[in-house]
C-alpha atoms as a PDB file:
ATOM      1  CA  MET A   1     259.655  85.908 119.612  1.00  0.00           C
ATOM      2  CA  ILE A   2     256.658  84.286 119.880  1.00  0.00           C
ATOM      3  CA  ASN A   3     253.998  86.129 122.413  1.00  0.00           C
ATOM      4  CA  PRO A   4     251.956  82.878 123.749  1.00  0.00           C
ATOM      5  CA  ALA A   5     249.058  85.657 124.834  1.00  0.00           C
ATOM      6  CA  ASP A   6     248.406  86.336 121.114  1.00  0.00           C
ATOM      7  CA  TYR A   7     247.011  82.724 120.825  1.00  0.00           C
ATOM      8  CA  PRO A   8     243.895  81.666 121.816  1.00  0.00           C
ATOM      9  CA  ILE A   9     243.317  78.554 123.643  1.00  0.00           C
ATOM     10  CA  CYS A  10     245.307  75.559 122.480  1.00  0.00           C
ATOM     11  CA  PHE A  11     245.566  77.702 118.976  1.00  0.00           C
ATOM     12  CA  GLN A  12     241.921  77.156 118.244  1.00  0.00           C
ATOM     13  CA  HIS A  13     239.961  79.912 116.135  1.00  0.00           C
ATOM     14  CA  ARG A  14     237.146  81.405 117.372  1.00  0.00           C
ATOM     15  CA  PHE A  15     234.129  79.610 116.545  1.00  0.00           C
ATOM     16  CA  GLU A  16     230.547  80.899 116.983  1.00  0.00           C
ATOM     17  CA  GLU A  17     227.807  78.797 115.706  1.00  0.00           C
ATOM     18  CA  GLU A  18     224.806  80.609 113.691  1.00  0.00           C
ATOM     19  CA  ASP A  19     222.214  82.149 116.090  1.00  0.00           C
ATOM     20  CA  PHE A  20     218.483  80.350 116.101  1.00  0.00           C
ATOM     21  CA  SER A  21     215.891  82.710 115.950  1.00  0.00           C
ATOM     22  CA  GLY A  22     213.063  80.792 114.758  1.00  0.00           C
ATOM     23  CA  ILE A  23     209.712  79.844 116.521  1.00  0.00           C
ATOM     24  CA  PHE A  24     208.348  76.592 117.514  1.00  0.00           C
ATOM     25  CA  THR A  25     205.951  75.710 114.625  1.00  0.00           C
ATOM     26  CA  GLY A  26     203.553  72.568 114.282  1.00  0.00           C
ATOM     27  CA  LYS A  27     205.625  71.548 111.344  1.00  0.00           C
ATOM     28  CA  ILE A  28     208.680  71.174 113.886  1.00  0.00           C
ATOM     29  CA  ALA A  29     206.288  69.551 116.438  1.00  0.00           C
ATOM     30  CA  LEU A  30     204.955  66.970 114.022  1.00  0.00           C
ATOM     31  CA  ARG A  31     209.023  66.420 112.836  1.00  0.00           C
ATOM     32  CA  ILE A  32     210.175  65.565 116.218  1.00  0.00           C
ATOM     33  CA  LEU A  33     206.790  63.578 117.210  1.00  0.00           C
ATOM     34  CA  SER A  34     207.724  61.600 113.945  1.00  0.00           C
ATOM     35  CA  HIS A  35     210.536  59.804 116.296  1.00  0.00           C
ATOM     36  CA  ILE A  36     208.068  58.026 118.417  1.00  0.00           C
ATOM     37  CA  LYS A  37     206.203  56.618 115.293  1.00  0.00           C
ATOM     38  CA  PRO A  38     207.801  53.351 115.749  1.00  0.00           C
ATOM     39  CA  TYR A  39     206.814  53.327 119.530  1.00  0.00           C
ATOM     40  CA  TYR A  40     203.282  54.152 118.934  1.00  0.00           C
ATOM     41  CA  LEU A  41     202.464  51.069 121.532  1.00  0.00           C
ATOM     42  CA  TRP A  42     204.480  52.660 124.322  1.00  0.00           C
ATOM     43  CA  VAL A  43     203.127  56.090 123.433  1.00  0.00           C
ATOM     44  CA  LEU A  44     199.330  54.654 123.562  1.00  0.00           C
ATOM     45  CA  GLY A  45     200.302  53.013 127.137  1.00  0.00           C
ATOM     46  CA  PHE A  46     201.925  56.287 128.250  1.00  0.00           C
ATOM     47  CA  ALA A  47     198.735  58.365 126.974  1.00  0.00           C
ATOM     48  CA  VAL A  48     196.173  56.015 128.763  1.00  0.00           C
ATOM     49  CA  SER A  49     198.024  56.316 132.216  1.00  0.00           C
ATOM     50  CA  ILE A  50     198.555  59.820 132.158  1.00  0.00           C
ATOM     51  CA  ALA A  51     194.888  60.302 130.960  1.00  0.00           C
ATOM     52  CA  LEU A  52     193.925  58.255 134.502  1.00  0.00           C
ATOM     53  CA  VAL A  53     195.965  60.256 136.646  1.00  0.00           C
ATOM     54  CA  SER A  54     194.900  63.532 135.099  1.00  0.00           C
ATOM     55  CA  PHE A  55     191.262  62.512 135.772  1.00  0.00           C
ATOM     56  CA  LEU A  56     191.600  60.882 139.181  1.00  0.00           C
ATOM     57  CA  ASP A  57     193.814  64.442 140.279  1.00  0.00           C
ATOM     58  CA  SER A  58     190.358  66.079 139.507  1.00  0.00           C
ATOM     59  CA  TYR A  59     187.830  63.407 140.918  1.00  0.00           C
ATOM     60  CA  PHE A  60     189.589  63.356 144.269  1.00  0.00           C
ATOM     61  CA  THR A  61     188.636  67.008 144.498  1.00  0.00           C
ATOM     62  CA  PHE A  62     184.571  66.030 143.816  1.00  0.00           C
ATOM     63  CA  LEU A  63     185.111  63.148 146.443  1.00  0.00           C
ATOM     64  CA  SER A  64     186.550  65.618 149.029  1.00  0.00           C
ATOM     65  CA  LYS A  65     183.307  67.145 148.368  1.00  0.00           C
ATOM     66  CA  ARG A  66     180.858  64.141 148.901  1.00  0.00           C
ATOM     67  CA  ILE A  67     182.920  63.321 152.289  1.00  0.00           C
ATOM     68  CA  ILE A  68     181.680  66.703 153.664  1.00  0.00           C
ATOM     69  CA  ASP A  69     178.521  66.996 152.446  1.00  0.00           C
ATOM     70  CA  GLU A  70     177.404  63.239 152.454  1.00  0.00           C
ATOM     71  CA  GLY A  71     179.826  61.945 155.571  1.00  0.00           C
ATOM     72  CA  ILE A  72     181.058  64.612 158.126  1.00  0.00           C
ATOM     73  CA  ILE A  73     177.853  67.158 157.966  1.00  0.00           C
ATOM     74  CA  PRO A  74     174.846  64.915 158.165  1.00  0.00           C
ATOM     75  CA  GLY A  75     177.029  62.276 160.460  1.00  0.00           C
ATOM     76  CA  ASN A  76     176.322  59.549 157.920  1.00  0.00           C
ATOM     77  CA  ILE A  77     179.082  57.080 159.311  1.00  0.00           C
ATOM     78  CA  ASP A  78     178.377  54.449 156.501  1.00  0.00           C
ATOM     79  CA  ALA A  79     178.370  56.760 153.847  1.00  0.00           C
ATOM     80  CA  LEU A  80     181.702  58.007 155.166  1.00  0.00           C
ATOM     81  CA  ARG A  81     182.997  54.358 155.181  1.00  0.00           C
ATOM     82  CA  LYS A  82     182.430  53.752 151.673  1.00  0.00           C
ATOM     83  CA  ILE A  83     183.523  56.871 150.366  1.00  0.00           C
ATOM     84  CA  LEU A  84     186.627  56.370 151.962  1.00  0.00           C
ATOM     85  CA  ILE A  85     187.264  52.953 151.011  1.00  0.00           C
ATOM     86  CA  GLN A  86     186.561  54.500 147.350  1.00  0.00           C
ATOM     87  CA  TYR A  87     188.967  57.131 147.658  1.00  0.00           C
ATOM     88  CA  GLY A  88     191.557  54.707 149.067  1.00  0.00           C
ATOM     89  CA  SER A  89     191.054  52.514 146.523  1.00  0.00           C
ATOM     90  CA  LEU A  90     191.516  55.244 143.767  1.00  0.00           C
ATOM     91  CA  MET A  91     194.686  56.531 145.276  1.00  0.00           C
ATOM     92  CA  GLY A  92     196.133  53.070 144.795  1.00  0.00           C
ATOM     93  CA  ILE A  93     195.179  52.891 141.037  1.00  0.00           C
ATOM     94  CA  SER A  94     196.558  56.305 141.025  1.00  0.00           C
ATOM     95  CA  ALA A  95     199.820  55.276 142.192  1.00  0.00           C
ATOM     96  CA  VAL A  96     199.814  52.426 139.901  1.00  0.00           C
ATOM     97  CA  ASN A  97     199.521  54.340 136.897  1.00  0.00           C
ATOM     98  CA  ILE A  98     201.821  57.013 137.994  1.00  0.00           C
ATOM     99  CA  PHE A  99     204.724  54.480 138.468  1.00  0.00           C
ATOM    100  CA  VAL A 100     203.401  52.934 134.758  1.00  0.00           C
ATOM    101  CA  PHE A 101     203.685  56.643 132.890  1.00  0.00           C
ATOM    102  CA  ILE A 102     206.764  57.206 134.634  1.00  0.00           C
ATOM    103  CA  PHE A 103     208.430  53.935 133.503  1.00  0.00           C
ATOM    104  CA  PHE A 104     207.104  54.083 129.817  1.00  0.00           C
ATOM    105  CA  ALA A 105     208.625  57.760 129.828  1.00  0.00           C
ATOM    106  CA  GLY A 106     211.714  56.671 130.973  1.00  0.00           C
ATOM    107  CA  VAL A 107     212.201  53.714 128.167  1.00  0.00           C
ATOM    108  CA  LEU A 108     210.533  55.713 125.718  1.00  0.00           C
ATOM    109  CA  GLY A 109     212.825  58.563 125.999  1.00  0.00           C
ATOM    110  CA  GLU A 110     216.007  56.177 125.842  1.00  0.00           C
ATOM    111  CA  LYS A 111     214.668  54.708 122.815  1.00  0.00           C
ATOM    112  CA  VAL A 112     214.585  57.671 121.046  1.00  0.00           C
ATOM    113  CA  GLN A 113     217.823  59.136 122.420  1.00  0.00           C
ATOM    114  CA  TYR A 114     219.052  55.771 120.923  1.00  0.00           C
ATOM    115  CA  ASP A 115     217.819  56.889 117.684  1.00  0.00           C
ATOM    116  CA  LEU A 116     218.885  60.397 117.397  1.00  0.00           C
ATOM    117  CA  ARG A 117     222.494  59.562 118.606  1.00  0.00           C
ATOM    118  CA  ASN A 118     222.529  57.098 115.798  1.00  0.00           C
ATOM    119  CA  LEU A 119     220.902  59.143 113.216  1.00  0.00           C
ATOM    120  CA  MET A 120     223.440  61.979 113.927  1.00  0.00           C
ATOM    121  CA  PHE A 121     226.369  59.629 113.749  1.00  0.00           C
ATOM    122  CA  SER A 122     225.599  58.439 110.362  1.00  0.00           C
ATOM    123  CA  HIS A 123     224.967  62.082 109.334  1.00  0.00           C
ATOM    124  CA  LEU A 124     228.655  63.214 110.563  1.00  0.00           C
ATOM    125  CA  GLN A 125     230.200  60.665 108.812  1.00  0.00           C
ATOM    126  CA  LYS A 126     228.441  62.131 105.474  1.00  0.00           C
ATOM    127  CA  LEU A 127     229.931  65.706 106.225  1.00  0.00           C
ATOM    128  CA  SER A 128     233.259  66.988 104.355  1.00  0.00           C
ATOM    129  CA  LEU A 129     236.620  67.481 105.850  1.00  0.00           C
ATOM    130  CA  SER A 130     236.400  71.310 105.690  1.00  0.00           C
ATOM    131  CA  TYR A 131     233.562  71.217 107.947  1.00  0.00           C
ATOM    132  CA  TYR A 132     235.890  69.243 110.672  1.00  0.00           C
ATOM    133  CA  ASN A 133     238.585  71.689 110.095  1.00  0.00           C
ATOM    134  CA  LYS A 134     236.188  74.780 110.919  1.00  0.00           C
ATOM    135  CA  THR A 135     233.949  73.405 113.834  1.00  0.00           C
ATOM    136  CA  PRO A 136     235.503  72.061 117.387  1.00  0.00           C
ATOM    137  CA  VAL A 137     235.078  68.484 118.010  1.00  0.00           C
ATOM    138  CA  GLY A 138     233.749  69.694 121.499  1.00  0.00           C
ATOM    139  CA  TRP A 139     230.913  71.749 120.105  1.00  0.00           C
ATOM    140  CA  LEU A 140     229.554  68.342 118.192  1.00  0.00           C
ATOM    141  CA  MET A 141     229.992  66.156 121.225  1.00  0.00           C
ATOM    142  CA  SER A 142     227.543  68.655 122.899  1.00  0.00           C
ATOM    143  CA  ARG A 143     225.275  68.782 120.365  1.00  0.00           C
ATOM    144  CA  VAL A 144     224.911  65.079 119.740  1.00  0.00           C
ATOM    145  CA  THR A 145     224.742  64.438 123.448  1.00  0.00           C
ATOM    146  CA  SER A 146     222.650  67.133 125.356  1.00  0.00           C
ATOM    147  CA  ASP A 147     220.309  68.179 122.258  1.00  0.00           C
ATOM    148  CA  SER A 148     219.385  64.607 121.860  1.00  0.00           C
ATOM    149  CA  GLU A 149     218.086  64.424 125.316  1.00  0.00           C
ATOM    150  CA  ARG A 150     216.382  67.589 125.345  1.00  0.00           C
ATOM    151  CA  VAL A 151     214.294  66.056 122.289  1.00  0.00           C
ATOM    152  CA  ALA A 152     214.101  62.760 123.949  1.00  0.00           C
ATOM    153  CA  GLN A 153     213.158  64.943 126.900  1.00  0.00           C
ATOM    154  CA  LEU A 154     210.406  66.802 124.505  1.00  0.00           C
ATOM    155  CA  VAL A 155     208.646  64.137 123.110  1.00  0.00           C
ATOM    156  CA  THR A 156     208.150  62.258 126.752  1.00  0.00           C
ATOM    157  CA  TRP A 157     207.633  64.728 129.586  1.00  0.00           C
ATOM    158  CA  GLY A 158     206.641  67.569 127.433  1.00  0.00           C
ATOM    159  CA  PHE A 159     203.837  65.232 126.023  1.00  0.00           C
ATOM    160  CA  LEU A 160     203.204  64.393 129.495  1.00  0.00           C
ATOM    161  CA  ASP A 161     203.001  68.104 130.496  1.00  0.00           C
ATOM    162  CA  ILE A 162     200.766  68.993 127.392  1.00  0.00           C
ATOM    163  CA  VAL A 163     198.017  65.913 127.807  1.00  0.00           C
ATOM    164  CA  TRP A 164     198.254  65.883 131.608  1.00  0.00           C
ATOM    165  CA  GLY A 165     197.457  69.713 131.503  1.00  0.00           C
ATOM    166  CA  SER A 166     194.897  69.505 128.668  1.00  0.00           C
ATOM    167  CA  LEU A 167     193.052  67.129 130.874  1.00  0.00           C
ATOM    168  CA  ASN A 168     193.216  68.649 133.841  1.00  0.00           C
ATOM    169  CA  ILE A 169     191.488  71.801 132.852  1.00  0.00           C
ATOM    170  CA  ILE A 170     188.802  69.630 131.081  1.00  0.00           C
ATOM    171  CA  THR A 171     187.877  67.387 134.043  1.00  0.00           C
ATOM    172  CA  ALA A 172     188.189  70.293 136.561  1.00  0.00           C
ATOM    173  CA  THR A 173     185.739  71.980 134.716  1.00  0.00           C
ATOM    174  CA  TYR A 174     183.387  69.664 134.472  1.00  0.00           C
ATOM    175  CA  PHE A 175     183.758  68.729 138.248  1.00  0.00           C
ATOM    176  CA  MET A 176     183.670  72.798 139.230  1.00  0.00           C
ATOM    177  CA  MET A 177     180.293  73.237 137.195  1.00  0.00           C
ATOM    178  CA  ARG A 178     178.922  70.038 138.906  1.00  0.00           C
ATOM    179  CA  ILE A 179     179.523  71.876 141.886  1.00  0.00           C
ATOM    180  CA  ASN A 180     178.993  75.516 141.246  1.00  0.00           C
ATOM    181  CA  TRP A 181     178.559  76.805 137.950  1.00  0.00           C
ATOM    182  CA  ARG A 182     178.729  80.472 138.995  1.00  0.00           C
ATOM    183  CA  LEU A 183     182.179  80.015 140.677  1.00  0.00           C
ATOM    184  CA  GLY A 184     183.129  77.909 137.872  1.00  0.00           C
ATOM    185  CA  LEU A 185     182.953  80.100 135.394  1.00  0.00           C
ATOM    186  CA  ILE A 186     184.619  82.896 137.803  1.00  0.00           C
ATOM    187  CA  VAL A 187     187.709  80.586 137.755  1.00  0.00           C
ATOM    188  CA  LEU A 188     187.622  80.325 133.781  1.00  0.00           C
ATOM    189  CA  ALA A 189     187.481  83.744 133.621  1.00  0.00           C
ATOM    190  CA  ILE A 190     191.287  83.842 134.496  1.00  0.00           C
ATOM    191  CA  ILE A 191     192.520  81.181 132.067  1.00  0.00           C
ATOM    192  CA  PRO A 192     192.745  84.141 128.771  1.00  0.00           C
ATOM    193  CA  VAL A 193     194.927  86.051 131.700  1.00  0.00           C
ATOM    194  CA  LEU A 194     197.145  83.418 131.930  1.00  0.00           C
ATOM    195  CA  ILE A 195     197.329  82.301 128.127  1.00  0.00           C
ATOM    196  CA  VAL A 196     198.718  85.821 127.216  1.00  0.00           C
ATOM    197  CA  VAL A 197     201.175  85.750 130.515  1.00  0.00           C
ATOM    198  CA  ALA A 198     202.596  82.369 129.380  1.00  0.00           C
ATOM    199  CA  ALA A 199     203.190  83.628 125.968  1.00  0.00           C
ATOM    200  CA  GLN A 200     204.612  86.524 126.777  1.00  0.00           C
ATOM    201  CA  PHE A 201     206.727  84.466 129.204  1.00  0.00           C
ATOM    202  CA  LYS A 202     207.438  82.204 126.545  1.00  0.00           C
ATOM    203  CA  LYS A 203     209.066  84.631 124.263  1.00  0.00           C
ATOM    204  CA  LYS A 204     211.485  85.593 126.748  1.00  0.00           C
ATOM    205  CA  ILE A 205     212.240  82.027 128.253  1.00  0.00           C
ATOM    206  CA  ILE A 206     213.239  80.295 124.786  1.00  0.00           C
ATOM    207  CA  VAL A 207     216.039  83.095 124.284  1.00  0.00           C
ATOM    208  CA  GLU A 208     217.591  82.955 127.403  1.00  0.00           C
ATOM    209  CA  TYR A 209     217.384  78.926 127.107  1.00  0.00           C
ATOM    210  CA  ARG A 210     219.290  79.273 123.781  1.00  0.00           C
ATOM    211  CA  GLN A 211     221.730  81.261 124.995  1.00  0.00           C
ATOM    212  CA  VAL A 212     222.323  78.592 128.136  1.00  0.00           C
ATOM    213  CA  ARG A 213     222.233  75.840 125.383  1.00  0.00           C
ATOM    214  CA  LYS A 214     225.350  77.773 123.080  1.00  0.00           C
ATOM    215  CA  ILE A 215     227.644  78.510 126.133  1.00  0.00           C
ATOM    216  CA  ASN A 216     227.293  75.384 127.333  1.00  0.00           C
ATOM    217  CA  SER A 217     228.413  73.807 123.605  1.00  0.00           C
ATOM    218  CA  LYS A 218     231.433  76.667 124.305  1.00  0.00           C
ATOM    219  CA  ILE A 219     232.384  75.005 127.472  1.00  0.00           C
ATOM    220  CA  THR A 220     232.252  71.468 126.382  1.00  0.00           C
ATOM    221  CA  GLY A 221     234.291  72.743 123.375  1.00  0.00           C
ATOM    222  CA  SER A 222     236.824  74.325 125.379  1.00  0.00           C
ATOM    223  CA  TYR A 223     236.960  71.389 127.650  1.00  0.00           C
ATOM    224  CA  ASN A 224     238.221  69.019 124.243  1.00  0.00           C
ATOM    225  CA  GLU A 225     240.416  71.877 122.902  1.00  0.00           C
ATOM    226  CA  ASN A 226     242.160  71.920 126.409  1.00  0.00           C
ATOM    227  CA  ILE A 227     242.563  68.077 126.830  1.00  0.00           C
ATOM    228  CA  THR A 228     243.629  67.462 123.235  1.00  0.00           C
ATOM    229  CA  GLY A 229     246.076  70.551 122.973  1.00  0.00           C
ATOM    230  CA  VAL A 230     247.236  70.158 126.572  1.00  0.00           C
ATOM    231  CA  ARG A 231     251.058  69.736 125.473  1.00  0.00           C
ATOM    232  CA  VAL A 232     250.429  73.187 123.492  1.00  0.00           C
ATOM    233  CA  THR A 233     249.273  74.763 126.818  1.00  0.00           C
ATOM    234  CA  LYS A 234     252.139  73.479 128.847  1.00  0.00           C
ATOM    235  CA  ALA A 235     254.988  74.352 125.705  1.00  0.00           C
ATOM    236  CA  PHE A 236     253.685  77.945 125.934  1.00  0.00           C
ATOM    237  CA  SER A 237     252.710  78.262 129.648  1.00  0.00           C
ATOM    238  CA  ARG A 238     249.235  79.471 128.903  1.00  0.00           C
ATOM    239  CA  GLU A 239     247.613  77.180 131.756  1.00  0.00           C
ATOM    240  CA  SER A 240     246.845  80.654 133.981  1.00  0.00           C
ATOM    241  CA  GLN A 241     245.497  82.299 130.688  1.00  0.00           C
ATOM    242  CA  ASN A 242     243.322  79.202 129.653  1.00  0.00           C
ATOM    243  CA  MET A 243     241.982  79.030 133.294  1.00  0.00           C
ATOM    244  CA  ALA A 244     240.864  82.814 132.808  1.00  0.00           C
ATOM    245  CA  GLU A 245     239.591  82.204 129.835  1.00  0.00           C
ATOM    246  CA  PHE A 246     237.499  79.038 130.917  1.00  0.00           C
ATOM    247  CA  GLY A 247     236.517  81.006 133.687  1.00  0.00           C
ATOM    248  CA  GLU A 248     234.859  83.905 131.903  1.00  0.00           C
ATOM    249  CA  LEU A 249     233.010  81.025 129.721  1.00  0.00           C
ATOM    250  CA  THR A 250     231.703  79.423 133.021  1.00  0.00           C
ATOM    251  CA  ASP A 251     230.576  83.093 134.554  1.00  0.00           C
ATOM    252  CA  GLU A 252     228.864  83.883 131.151  1.00  0.00           C
ATOM    253  CA  MET A 253     226.998  80.211 131.685  1.00  0.00           C
ATOM    254  CA  TYR A 254     225.787  81.069 135.484  1.00  0.00           C
ATOM    255  CA  LYS A 255     224.674  84.485 134.592  1.00  0.00           C
ATOM    256  CA  ALA A 256     222.644  83.079 131.542  1.00  0.00           C
ATOM    257  CA  GLY A 257     221.278  80.005 133.682  1.00  0.00           C
ATOM    258  CA  PHE A 258     220.144  82.807 136.181  1.00  0.00           C
ATOM    259  CA  ARG A 259     218.235  84.985 133.898  1.00  0.00           C
ATOM    260  CA  ARG A 260     216.672  81.794 132.132  1.00  0.00           C
ATOM    261  CA  LEU A 261     215.655  80.465 135.468  1.00  0.00           C
ATOM    262  CA  ARG A 262     214.113  84.320 137.058  1.00  0.00           C
END
């Protein structure tokens, strides 16, 4: 007699994807950034708007100093009024540029996603039947959809973080040195410490992040196998076993996600 417990979910074989342990190099970064090459005008507008917002963020701190030193302490109402008008005008410009770079990031991200998914779909048509025989459809769906989304976010919001962070450090350093160069040097002294700490955290976070993506693919694959194999599941009365196995996957996903966030 056939024992249903001897069969995995919907008779699917146990699929284990290859663990990727490589590091993120400049070559990989250039390969990813090549996807935004056709949209260089969008990227240019994106970068300019980010640069303006980053510069104004630091300049607002300098204006706050002027408000106190030139307006409040000496009691100069005219100077205070002029600085506040300037502050408000620049705040409006900053708000407009924030809207602009969010709009550019959204459109650019969708364009990159669309191109990536078309590229991957074309590649999937060229693969052999043996590949599909051993690779779950749900895993492919997860990788094509979620991974393309992550790459699109990297070339938009990741690019934003890099430009914003770099310009913030440069402009903040300039204004700190203008205000008090001794205190500025003390603040800058912690940057090497931050770089070392960030590098160590990056090594740990990337391992956990890859684990989360791997488990997410398994969950999507389980969804697909259970839906397409529902008749087999019902025939062997495997509902409770399938639910238990799916619960193990989601528990594993929860733990991996918690480790990544921690």
